[in-house]
Each structure stands twice: as structure tokens, then as C-alpha cells.
C-alpha atoms as a PDB file:
ATOM      1  CA  ARG A   1      -4.934  12.144  21.322  1.00  0.00           C
ATOM      2  CA  SER A   2      -3.495  14.153  18.997  1.00  0.00           C
ATOM      3  CA  GLU A   3       0.233  14.384  21.045  1.00  0.00           C
ATOM      4  CA  LEU A   4       0.074  10.516  21.430  1.00  0.00           C
ATOM      5  CA  LEU A   5      -0.486  10.269  17.768  1.00  0.00           C
ATOM      6  CA  ALA A   6       2.202  12.652  16.849  1.00  0.00           C
ATOM      7  CA  ALA A   7       4.814  11.180  19.488  1.00  0.00           C
ATOM      8  CA  GLY A   8       4.045   7.666  17.674  1.00  0.00           C
ATOM      9  CA  VAL A   9       4.340   9.436  13.952  1.00  0.00           C
ATOM     10  CA  LEU A  10       7.820  10.774  15.318  1.00  0.00           C
ATOM     11  CA  ALA A  11       9.277   7.947  16.756  1.00  0.00           C
ATOM     12  CA  LEU A  12       8.631   5.663  14.000  1.00  0.00           C
ATOM     13  CA  ALA A  13       9.860   8.355  11.091  1.00  0.00           C
ATOM     14  CA  GLY A  14      13.001   8.941  13.220  1.00  0.00           C
ATOM     15  CA  LYS A  15      14.327   5.546  12.959  1.00  0.00           C
ATOM     16  CA  PHE A  16      14.150   5.598   9.489  1.00  0.00           C
ATOM     17  CA  GLU A  17      16.025   9.204   8.946  1.00  0.00           C
ATOM     18  CA  GLU A  18      17.973   9.118  12.324  1.00  0.00           C
ATOM     19  CA  ASP A  19      21.680   7.332  12.823  1.00  0.00           C
ATOM     20  CA  TYR A  20      19.750   6.091  16.057  1.00  0.00           C
ATOM     21  CA  ALA A  21      16.720   5.784  17.574  1.00  0.00           C
ATOM     22  CA  VAL A  22      15.015   8.750  19.895  1.00  0.00           C
ATOM     23  CA  ARG A  23      14.971   7.682  23.116  1.00  0.00           C
ATOM     24  CA  TYR A  24      10.747   7.753  24.495  1.00  0.00           C
ATOM     25  CA  ASP A  25      11.264  10.186  27.342  1.00  0.00           C
ATOM     26  CA  GLU A  26      13.525  12.829  24.895  1.00  0.00           C
ATOM     27  CA  LEU A  27      10.946  12.601  22.422  1.00  0.00           C
ATOM     28  CA  LEU A  28       8.039  13.237  25.049  1.00  0.00           C
ATOM     29  CA  GLY A  29       9.973  15.954  26.705  1.00  0.00           C
ATOM     30  CA  ALA A  30      10.574  18.209  23.636  1.00  0.00           C
ATOM     31  CA  LEU A  31       6.591  17.504  23.067  1.00  0.00           C
ATOM     32  CA  GLN A  32       5.887  18.317  26.240  1.00  0.00           C
ATOM     33  CA  ALA A  33       2.832  16.056  25.769  1.00  0.00           C
ATOM     34  CA  GLU A  34       0.672  14.329  28.825  1.00  0.00           C
ATOM     35  CA  VAL A  35       1.665  10.752  27.504  1.00  0.00           C
ATOM     36  CA  LYS A  36       3.410   7.900  28.719  1.00  0.00           C
ATOM     37  CA  ALA A  37       6.313   5.728  26.671  1.00  0.00           C
ATOM     38  CA  GLU A  38       3.956   2.599  26.942  1.00  0.00           C
ATOM     39  CA  GLU A  39       1.471   4.430  25.113  1.00  0.00           C
ATOM     40  CA  VAL A  40       4.008   5.633  22.550  1.00  0.00           C
ATOM     41  CA  HIS A  41       5.194   2.540  22.294  1.00  0.00           C
ATOM     42  CA  GLY A  42       1.735   0.956  21.540  1.00  0.00           C
ATOM     43  CA  MET A  43       0.854   4.032  19.116  1.00  0.00           C
ATOM     44  CA  GLU A  44       4.011   2.793  16.974  1.00  0.00           C
ATOM     45  CA  VAL A  45       2.367  -0.537  16.839  1.00  0.00           C
ATOM     46  CA  ARG A  46      -1.045   0.286  15.916  1.00  0.00           C
ATOM     47  CA  LEU A  47       0.414   2.615  13.451  1.00  0.00           C
ATOM     48  CA  LEU A  48       3.072   0.010  11.654  1.00  0.00           C
ATOM     49  CA  GLN A  49      -0.302  -2.563  12.089  1.00  0.00           C
ATOM     50  CA  THR A  50      -2.573   0.094  10.406  1.00  0.00           C
ATOM     51  CA  LEU A  51       0.242   0.503   7.350  1.00  0.00           C
ATOM     52  CA  GLN A  52      -0.014  -3.459   7.091  1.00  0.00           C
ATOM     53  CA  TYR A  53       3.699  -2.750   7.885  1.00  0.00           C
ATOM     54  CA  ARG A  54       4.293  -1.430   4.383  1.00  0.00           C
ATOM     55  CA  LEU A  55       7.207   1.362   5.374  1.00  0.00           C
ATOM     56  CA  ASN A  56       9.674   2.153   2.576  1.00  0.00           C
ATOM     57  CA  MET A  57      13.293   3.478   3.486  1.00  0.00           C
ATOM     58  CA  PRO A  58      13.403   7.138   2.080  1.00  0.00           C
ATOM     59  CA  VAL A  59      15.988   7.339  -1.003  1.00  0.00           C
ATOM     60  CA  VAL A  60      17.336  10.771  -2.173  1.00  0.00           C
ATOM     61  CA  TRP A  61      14.562  10.904  -4.559  1.00  0.00           C
ATOM     62  CA  HIS A  62      12.346  11.946  -1.947  1.00  0.00           C
ATOM     63  CA  HIS A  63      14.158  14.964  -0.462  1.00  0.00           C
ATOM     64  CA  LEU A  64      16.151  15.808  -3.919  1.00  0.00           C
ATOM     65  CA  PRO A  65      12.996  18.205  -5.260  1.00  0.00           C
ATOM     66  CA  TRP A  66      12.304  20.015  -2.433  1.00  0.00           C
ATOM     67  CA  PHE A  67      15.715  20.841  -1.867  1.00  0.00           C
ATOM     68  CA  LEU A  68      16.877  22.152  -5.027  1.00  0.00           C
ATOM     69  CA  GLU A  69      13.552  24.566  -4.689  1.00  0.00           C
ATOM     70  CA  VAL A  70      14.668  25.934  -1.792  1.00  0.00           C
ATOM     71  CA  VAL A  71      18.230  26.318  -3.333  1.00  0.00           C
ATOM     72  CA  GLY A  72      16.611  28.016  -6.715  1.00  0.00           C
ATOM     73  CA  ALA A  73      18.634  25.611  -8.225  1.00  0.00           C
ATOM     74  CA  SER A  74      19.036  26.014 -12.041  1.00  0.00           C
ATOM     75  CA  VAL A  75      18.653  23.758 -14.730  1.00  0.00           C
ATOM     76  CA  GLU A  76      22.213  22.843 -15.355  1.00  0.00           C
ATOM     77  CA  GLN A  77      22.118  22.184 -11.249  1.00  0.00           C
ATOM     78  CA  ARG A  78      19.193  20.419 -10.900  1.00  0.00           C
ATOM     79  CA  ALA A  79      20.844  18.031 -14.064  1.00  0.00           C
ATOM     80  CA  VAL A  80      23.973  17.701 -12.343  1.00  0.00           C
ATOM     81  CA  ALA A  81      22.500  16.922  -8.804  1.00  0.00           C
ATOM     82  CA  GLU A  82      19.827  14.148 -10.367  1.00  0.00           C
ATOM     83  CA  TYR A  83      22.836  12.429 -11.710  1.00  0.00           C
ATOM     84  CA  VAL A  84      24.975  12.269  -9.056  1.00  0.00           C
ATOM     85  CA  SER A  85      21.919  11.218  -6.887  1.00  0.00           C
ATOM     86  CA  GLU A  86      21.360   8.630  -9.378  1.00  0.00           C
ATOM     87  CA  VAL A  87      24.927   7.564  -9.585  1.00  0.00           C
ATOM     88  CA  GLY A  88      24.876   7.690  -5.730  1.00  0.00           C
ATOM     89  CA  LEU A  89      22.318   4.961  -5.674  1.00  0.00           C
ATOM     90  CA  THR A  90      24.137   2.466  -7.462  1.00  0.00           C
ATOM     91  CA  ALA A  91      27.952   3.058  -6.128  1.00  0.00           C
ATOM     92  CA  LEU A  92      28.259   0.964  -3.376  1.00  0.00           C
ATOM     93  CA  ASP A  93      31.812   2.667  -2.840  1.00  0.00           C
ATOM     94  CA  LEU A  94      29.994   6.078  -2.113  1.00  0.00           C
ATOM     95  CA  PRO A  95      30.212   6.894   1.358  1.00  0.00           C
ATOM     96  CA  ARG A  96      26.524   5.909   3.385  1.00  0.00           C
ATOM     97  CA  TRP A  97      24.850   9.279   3.521  1.00  0.00           C
ATOM     98  CA  ARG A  98      21.538   9.508   5.109  1.00  0.00           C
ATOM     99  CA  PRO A  99      19.329  10.423   2.167  1.00  0.00           C
ATOM    100  CA  SER A 100      18.541  13.642   3.358  1.00  0.00           C
ATOM    101  CA  GLU A 101      22.165  14.050   3.231  1.00  0.00           C
ATOM    102  CA  HIS A 102      22.511  12.775   0.038  1.00  0.00           C
ATOM    103  CA  ALA A 103      20.267  15.449  -1.298  1.00  0.00           C
ATOM    104  CA  ALA A 104      22.117  18.051   0.131  1.00  0.00           C
END
């Protein structure tokens, strides 16, 4: 069932990118799927097992290329954005932004 797979993937992805994990009832309401919360949890477990729990936290470099393309960044803007992103990955005193916010 594609709805169940979609719900499981979205639930896992949300736990990586969002500040809080989306509740299953919110997710299922948005998807308008005939799926139960227990099934979504089971799908998450199966996905993790299939991936052998090899998940990586996204960093700014996951988002920066597409963001620069969308905004039509110039060569100079790309260079500055890449520099700031690189510094941001190592500077502990910078704000703790989500990777997509850091890229923006």
C-alpha cells in the first residue's frame, strides 16, 4: 500500500528535519489515508530495518545546491554561500539552525 509507505517515510523524515516529531494522527489526517497509527509505526520499523538503521542527519550541503539553483545565485553569491556554510558547520557559537534554514 503506497499510502502506508508514504506515511512511514514522512514520519521518519519529519523526525530528522523538524523540531518535533509529527503525531501519527496529524500525518494521517493530512494524507487522508485509510491507515492506522500502529501500521505507520510498524512501517517505520520495517524501513529502518531495511536500511539497517543507516540514516544520516542532513547538513547544509544537502540543501545548498538546490537552493542556490532556485534563487539563481551568481558565481560570487555561490562562493559566499559555500564559505558561510562551511564556517557554519564548524563554528559552535553560531545559532543552531536546521540544515534547510542554514542553506537559506
